[in-house]
C-alpha cells in the first residue's frame, strides 16, 4: 500500500473519453489508503459514494480495478497499471489548474525519464539527487540506456539524449548542453605504442569504437588547416557504452574518441591523456526531449530548468 495523499473533493466531471474525473480521484484515494472509508474521508465523501463511483468506473472500463474483501482492498493487475496513469493525469490537471490561476505549481507525481548511460551517471544523477531533495512529492523512475527510446510508446516523460535527434512532430527537443569529443589514451599505452602526431597515424593504433558489427560510426574531425577527415570505423574492439570505452582506454587497450564529459575525471587524474589536440572535432548537442504537449508538467519543467542551470554553472 502506498503512502496516503490528500485530494480535494470534486464534483463529477467527465473527460473526453467519458471517464468521471471524480471517480478517478476516488480510485486513487482508495488505492493509496487501502480503504474505502479512509479514501472517502480524504475526499469528504461517504463510503457508499466512493463505492458507487468505483463501480461506475469499473463498468466504464470493463475491468475490475480493486480486489475487495472484508479485511482489505488491493489493486488488480489492471488496477496497478491504471493507477500509475491516473496519478500522472491528476497531477497534470492540478498543474494546469495552478497555471491558469497563475500559481506556481509544485512538482509532484512520478518523473519517468530515460537518459544515455554515461551522461546520465556523470551529469544527470547529481542533478536528480538535488531535485528530489528539493521536491519531496516527486518520485523518479530512470532508465540508463544508450538506445533510442520511443518516449510516447513507452510512457516516458523525458529523455536526455546525446547526439542527433530524429525529427518527430510528437516530440519537443531542447538543447541543454554541448560537448566536444576528443582523442584520449592512457599514458601506459602511449609509452608502449607511441603518440600519434597526425591523423594518419591512427591507422597504426588500436581504436576503441562505439557500435556493433552491423553499425559503427567513423571518427570525423578537421585538421588544423581545415581539411575534413573521416577515419573508417574499423576496430578489434566494439562497445555499446561510452563508459566502457573510457574504462578500456584507461587500462591501455587503445585510443578512444570520447565526449569531454566522459573523459574529464580521468584526464584530471592523469589516467588518460588527450592526443591529437590540434584536430578540431564537431560539437555534440545534448537534448532534453519530451512529448509535445501544450502544458508541460511542473515535475518535467522544473527538472529541465535545474539540469540547464547546473550545466550552465559547470560550463562557466
Protein backbone atom coordinates (compact mmCIF):
# COMPACT_ATOMS: atom_id res chain seq x y z
CA UNK A 1 0.00 0.00 0.00
CA UNK A 2 1.39 3.37 -0.97
CA UNK A 3 1.52 6.22 1.48
CA UNK A 4 -1.73 8.24 1.70
CA UNK A 5 -2.02 11.60 -0.01
CA UNK A 6 -4.92 14.00 0.22
CA UNK A 7 -7.05 15.13 -2.67
CA UNK A 8 -9.76 17.78 -2.72
CA UNK A 9 -13.31 16.53 -3.23
CA UNK A 10 -14.54 17.50 -6.68
CA UNK A 11 -17.87 17.17 -8.47
CA UNK A 12 -18.22 14.59 -11.21
CA UNK A 13 -16.50 15.96 -14.30
CA UNK A 14 -16.16 13.86 -17.42
CA UNK A 15 -13.07 13.79 -19.60
CA UNK A 16 -13.16 13.47 -23.37
CA UNK A 17 -13.16 9.68 -23.00
CA UNK A 18 -16.25 9.79 -20.80
CA UNK A 19 -14.40 8.89 -17.60
CA UNK A 20 -15.67 10.62 -14.46
CA UNK A 21 -12.67 12.51 -13.07
CA UNK A 22 -14.26 12.41 -9.62
CA UNK A 23 -14.27 8.63 -9.88
CA UNK A 24 -10.58 8.73 -10.82
CA UNK A 25 -9.82 10.68 -7.67
CA UNK A 26 -11.89 8.21 -5.65
CA UNK A 27 -9.99 5.26 -7.13
CA UNK A 28 -6.60 6.86 -6.42
CA UNK A 29 -7.63 7.75 -2.86
CA UNK A 30 -8.78 4.18 -2.13
CA UNK A 31 -5.64 2.72 -3.73
CA UNK A 32 -3.42 4.96 -1.64
CA UNK A 33 -5.18 4.40 1.67
CA UNK A 34 -6.20 0.75 1.13
CA UNK A 35 -9.65 1.52 2.42
CA UNK A 36 -12.99 2.79 1.08
CA UNK A 37 -13.67 4.54 4.37
CA UNK A 38 -10.27 6.25 4.60
CA UNK A 39 -10.28 7.07 0.91
CA UNK A 40 -13.73 8.59 1.15
CA UNK A 41 -12.77 10.56 4.24
CA UNK A 42 -9.82 12.12 2.43
CA UNK A 43 -12.21 13.34 -0.26
CA UNK A 44 -15.06 14.34 2.04
CA UNK A 45 -17.23 11.51 0.69
CA UNK A 46 -19.09 8.65 2.30
CA UNK A 47 -18.03 5.05 1.86
CA UNK A 48 -21.15 4.44 -0.17
CA UNK A 49 -20.44 7.33 -2.54
CA UNK A 50 -16.89 6.09 -3.11
CA UNK A 51 -18.13 2.56 -3.73
CA UNK A 52 -20.64 3.76 -6.32
CA UNK A 53 -18.01 5.90 -8.06
CA UNK A 54 -15.65 2.93 -8.27
CA UNK A 55 -18.41 0.68 -9.60
CA UNK A 56 -19.21 3.21 -12.35
CA UNK A 57 -15.54 3.48 -13.25
CA UNK A 58 -15.04 -0.29 -13.46
CA UNK A 59 -18.19 -0.64 -15.56
CA UNK A 60 -16.98 2.07 -17.92
CA UNK A 61 -13.55 0.42 -18.28
CA UNK A 62 -14.91 -3.10 -18.47
CA UNK A 63 -12.45 -4.44 -15.90
CA UNK A 64 -12.05 -4.82 -12.17
CA UNK A 65 -9.57 -2.37 -10.65
CA UNK A 66 -9.73 -3.46 -6.99
CA UNK A 67 -9.96 -6.73 -5.11
CA UNK A 68 -12.37 -6.24 -2.22
CA UNK A 69 -12.53 -8.47 0.86
CA UNK A 70 -13.95 -7.87 4.31
CA UNK A 71 -10.43 -7.21 5.62
CA UNK A 72 -8.56 -5.36 2.88
CA UNK A 73 -8.62 -3.69 -0.52
CA UNK A 74 -5.90 -4.36 -3.09
CA UNK A 75 -5.37 -3.38 -6.70
CA UNK A 76 -5.70 -5.89 -9.51
CA UNK A 77 -3.04 -6.06 -12.22
CA UNK A 78 -5.18 -3.79 -14.40
CA UNK A 79 -5.71 -1.56 -11.39
CA UNK A 80 -1.98 -1.14 -10.83
CA UNK A 81 -1.41 -0.14 -14.45
CA UNK A 82 -4.36 2.25 -14.40
CA UNK A 83 -3.26 3.73 -11.07
CA UNK A 84 0.14 4.74 -12.50
CA UNK A 85 -1.50 6.64 -15.34
CA UNK A 86 -4.21 8.14 -13.10
CA UNK A 87 -1.73 9.69 -10.66
CA UNK A 88 0.09 11.31 -13.59
CA UNK A 89 -3.15 12.59 -15.13
CA UNK A 90 -4.38 14.06 -11.85
CA UNK A 91 -1.01 15.67 -11.13
CA UNK A 92 -1.04 17.21 -14.63
CA UNK A 93 -4.56 18.52 -14.08
CA UNK A 94 -3.53 20.13 -10.80
CA UNK A 95 -0.54 21.72 -12.56
CA UNK A 96 -2.77 23.03 -15.35
CA UNK A 97 -5.24 24.48 -12.86
CA UNK A 98 -2.43 26.17 -10.93
CA UNK A 99 -1.00 27.68 -14.13
CA UNK A 100 -4.40 29.13 -15.09
CA UNK A 101 -4.75 30.56 -11.59
CA UNK A 102 -1.23 31.97 -12.10
CA UNK A 103 0.10 29.99 -9.17
CA UNK A 104 3.47 28.24 -9.31
CA UNK A 105 2.55 24.53 -9.36
CA UNK A 106 4.51 22.23 -7.08
CA UNK A 107 6.27 19.34 -8.84
CA UNK A 108 4.70 16.04 -7.86
CA UNK A 109 3.98 12.61 -9.25
CA UNK A 110 6.39 10.17 -10.89
CA UNK A 111 9.08 11.55 -13.21
CA UNK A 112 9.74 8.78 -15.74
CA UNK A 113 12.98 9.55 -17.54
CA UNK A 114 15.40 7.82 -19.90
CA UNK A 115 18.99 9.05 -20.12
CA UNK A 116 22.07 8.00 -22.05
CA UNK A 117 24.32 5.86 -19.87
CA UNK A 118 27.46 7.95 -19.46
CA UNK A 119 25.84 11.39 -19.43
CA UNK A 120 23.14 10.11 -17.11
CA UNK A 121 25.51 8.74 -14.49
CA UNK A 122 28.08 11.52 -14.67
CA UNK A 123 25.89 14.59 -15.13
CA UNK A 124 22.21 13.81 -14.56
CA UNK A 125 22.43 11.81 -11.31
CA UNK A 126 23.80 14.71 -9.20
CA UNK A 127 21.02 16.95 -10.53
CA UNK A 128 18.40 14.28 -9.80
CA UNK A 129 19.69 13.99 -6.23
CA UNK A 130 19.25 17.74 -5.65
CA UNK A 131 15.90 17.75 -7.45
CA UNK A 132 14.41 15.00 -5.27
CA UNK A 133 15.74 16.69 -2.14
CA UNK A 134 14.05 19.96 -3.16
CA UNK A 135 10.73 18.40 -4.18
CA UNK A 136 9.73 15.57 -1.80
CA UNK A 137 6.41 14.90 -3.55
CA UNK A 138 8.18 13.68 -6.68
CA UNK A 139 9.28 10.10 -7.27
CA UNK A 140 11.61 9.09 -10.10
CA UNK A 141 11.96 6.12 -12.43
CA UNK A 142 15.13 6.39 -14.52
CA UNK A 143 16.32 4.13 -17.34
CA UNK A 144 20.02 4.36 -18.23
CA UNK A 145 20.37 3.30 -21.84
CA UNK A 146 22.16 4.43 -24.99
CA UNK A 147 19.40 3.02 -27.21
CA UNK A 148 16.86 5.36 -28.81
CA UNK A 149 13.67 5.08 -26.76
CA UNK A 150 10.15 5.80 -28.05
CA UNK A 151 9.06 8.17 -25.30
CA UNK A 152 5.37 8.15 -26.16
CA UNK A 153 5.08 4.41 -26.75
CA UNK A 154 6.99 3.52 -23.56
CA UNK A 155 5.37 6.18 -21.38
CA UNK A 156 8.38 8.35 -20.53
CA UNK A 157 8.01 12.00 -19.50
CA UNK A 158 11.51 12.99 -20.54
CA UNK A 159 14.56 11.76 -22.40
CA UNK A 160 18.10 13.13 -22.17
CA UNK A 161 19.89 12.24 -25.41
CA UNK A 162 23.45 12.87 -26.53
CA UNK A 163 23.87 13.41 -30.26
CA UNK A 164 21.37 13.76 -33.07
CA UNK A 165 17.62 13.54 -32.53
CA UNK A 166 15.47 12.37 -35.44
CA UNK A 167 12.72 14.84 -36.40
CA UNK A 168 9.44 13.86 -34.76
CA UNK A 169 6.36 16.09 -34.68
CA UNK A 170 5.17 14.40 -31.49
CA UNK A 171 8.31 15.44 -29.58
CA UNK A 172 9.95 18.66 -28.43
CA UNK A 173 13.77 18.65 -28.45
CA UNK A 174 15.58 21.35 -26.49
CA UNK A 175 19.37 21.70 -26.47
CA UNK A 176 20.57 21.85 -22.86
CA UNK A 177 24.34 21.47 -23.40
CA UNK A 178 27.05 20.95 -25.98
CA UNK A 179 30.09 18.71 -25.73
CA UNK A 180 33.17 18.38 -27.90
CA UNK A 181 34.71 14.91 -28.33
CA UNK A 182 38.43 14.28 -28.43
CA UNK A 183 41.05 11.57 -28.66
CA UNK A 184 42.26 10.02 -25.40
CA UNK A 185 44.66 7.26 -24.39
CA UNK A 186 46.37 6.02 -21.25
CA UNK A 187 49.98 7.12 -20.62
CA UNK A 188 50.99 3.45 -20.43
CA UNK A 189 49.53 2.77 -23.87
CA UNK A 190 51.26 5.82 -25.38
CA UNK A 191 54.56 4.79 -23.79
CA UNK A 192 54.41 1.38 -25.44
CA UNK A 193 52.86 2.30 -28.81
CA UNK A 194 53.92 5.91 -29.30
CA UNK A 195 51.78 9.02 -29.52
CA UNK A 196 50.02 9.78 -32.84
CA UNK A 197 51.28 13.06 -34.24
CA UNK A 198 48.92 13.34 -37.21
CA UNK A 199 45.55 11.75 -38.13
CA UNK A 200 47.13 9.22 -40.49
CA UNK A 201 48.99 7.72 -37.51
CA UNK A 202 45.67 6.45 -36.08
CA UNK A 203 45.73 3.58 -38.58
CA UNK A 204 48.72 2.17 -36.68
CA UNK A 205 46.90 2.17 -33.34
CA UNK A 206 44.22 0.14 -31.59
CA UNK A 207 40.99 2.11 -31.81
CA UNK A 208 38.16 1.62 -29.31
CA UNK A 209 34.88 2.18 -31.15
CA UNK A 210 31.24 2.66 -30.25
CA UNK A 211 28.88 0.43 -32.21
CA UNK A 212 28.33 -3.15 -33.31
CA UNK A 213 29.41 -5.37 -36.17
CA UNK A 214 26.45 -4.07 -38.21
CA UNK A 215 26.61 -0.39 -37.20
CA UNK A 216 29.74 1.62 -36.44
CA UNK A 217 30.49 5.30 -36.58
CA UNK A 218 33.56 6.91 -38.22
CA UNK A 219 35.69 9.41 -36.33
CA UNK A 220 35.18 12.76 -38.06
CA UNK A 221 37.19 15.93 -37.46
CA UNK A 222 39.08 18.75 -39.16
CA UNK A 223 42.85 19.17 -39.31
CA UNK A 224 44.46 22.50 -38.32
CA UNK A 225 44.48 23.57 -41.98
CA UNK A 226 40.73 22.92 -42.28
CA UNK A 227 40.75 19.56 -44.08
CA UNK A 228 37.82 17.40 -43.05
CA UNK A 229 38.74 13.78 -42.31
CA UNK A 230 36.69 10.69 -41.53
CA UNK A 231 38.62 7.75 -40.09
CA UNK A 232 36.95 4.50 -41.10
CA UNK A 233 35.27 2.70 -38.24
CA UNK A 234 37.35 -0.47 -38.08
CA UNK A 235 38.49 -1.98 -34.82
CA UNK A 236 39.18 -5.21 -32.99
CA UNK A 237 37.02 -3.94 -30.09
CA UNK A 238 33.48 -2.57 -30.34
CA UNK A 239 31.49 -1.28 -27.38
CA UNK A 240 27.90 -0.16 -26.81
CA UNK A 241 28.81 2.14 -23.90
CA UNK A 242 30.87 5.30 -23.75
CA UNK A 243 31.87 4.50 -20.18
CA UNK A 244 33.11 1.07 -21.27
CA UNK A 245 35.24 2.70 -23.97
CA UNK A 246 36.69 5.10 -21.40
CA UNK A 247 37.47 2.29 -18.98
CA UNK A 248 39.08 0.24 -21.75
CA UNK A 249 41.26 3.22 -22.68
CA UNK A 250 42.31 3.64 -19.04
CA UNK A 251 43.50 0.02 -18.95
CA UNK A 252 45.68 0.67 -22.02
CA UNK A 253 43.63 -1.16 -24.64
CA UNK A 254 43.81 1.62 -27.22
CA UNK A 255 42.81 5.15 -28.25
CA UNK A 256 39.29 6.33 -27.54
CA UNK A 257 37.18 9.05 -29.19
CA UNK A 258 35.03 10.39 -26.37
CA UNK A 259 32.90 13.38 -25.38
CA UNK A 260 34.82 15.59 -22.97
CA UNK A 261 32.41 14.99 -20.08
CA UNK A 262 33.11 11.23 -20.24
CA UNK A 263 36.91 11.64 -20.15
CA UNK A 264 37.23 14.68 -17.84
CA UNK A 265 37.77 12.94 -14.47
CA UNK A 266 40.30 10.51 -15.93
CA UNK A 267 42.20 13.34 -17.63
CA UNK A 268 42.21 15.35 -14.40
CA UNK A 269 43.58 12.34 -12.50
CA UNK A 270 46.23 11.60 -15.14
CA UNK A 271 44.82 8.22 -16.07
CA UNK A 272 44.05 9.45 -19.59
CA UNK A 273 45.82 11.95 -21.79
CA UNK A 274 44.40 13.93 -24.70
CA UNK A 275 46.16 13.36 -28.04
CA UNK A 276 45.86 14.99 -31.48
CA UNK A 277 44.64 18.12 -29.71
CA UNK A 278 45.28 20.26 -32.79
CA UNK A 279 42.44 18.49 -34.59
CA UNK A 280 39.02 20.14 -34.33
CA UNK A 281 36.01 17.91 -33.74
CA UNK A 282 32.35 18.75 -34.21
CA UNK A 283 30.32 19.62 -31.16
CA UNK A 284 27.76 17.10 -29.93
CA UNK A 285 24.47 18.53 -28.69
CA UNK A 286 22.75 17.20 -25.57
CA UNK A 287 18.95 17.34 -25.86
CA UNK A 288 16.10 17.26 -23.40
CA UNK A 289 13.32 15.53 -25.34
CA UNK A 290 9.72 15.29 -24.21
CA UNK A 291 6.28 14.59 -25.72
CA UNK A 292 4.72 17.59 -27.46
CA UNK A 293 2.11 18.94 -25.09
CA UNK A 294 0.58 22.36 -24.70
CA UNK A 295 1.09 22.10 -20.98
CA UNK A 296 4.40 20.76 -19.68
CA UNK A 297 4.02 19.29 -16.20
CA UNK A 298 5.81 21.03 -13.35
CA UNK A 299 7.86 17.94 -12.50
CA UNK A 300 9.36 17.88 -16.02
CA UNK A 301 9.73 21.65 -16.45
CA UNK A 302 11.46 22.14 -13.10
CA UNK A 303 13.85 19.23 -13.69
CA UNK A 304 14.85 20.58 -17.11
CA UNK A 305 15.40 24.03 -15.57
CA UNK A 306 17.59 22.56 -12.81
CA UNK A 307 19.61 20.49 -15.29
CA UNK A 308 20.14 23.51 -17.55
CA UNK A 309 21.19 25.69 -14.62
CA UNK A 310 23.64 23.00 -13.45
CA UNK A 311 25.16 22.71 -16.92
CA UNK A 312 25.40 26.48 -17.31
CA UNK A 313 27.21 26.74 -13.96
CA UNK A 314 29.54 23.85 -14.78
CA UNK A 315 30.39 25.38 -18.13
CA UNK A 316 31.02 28.90 -16.85
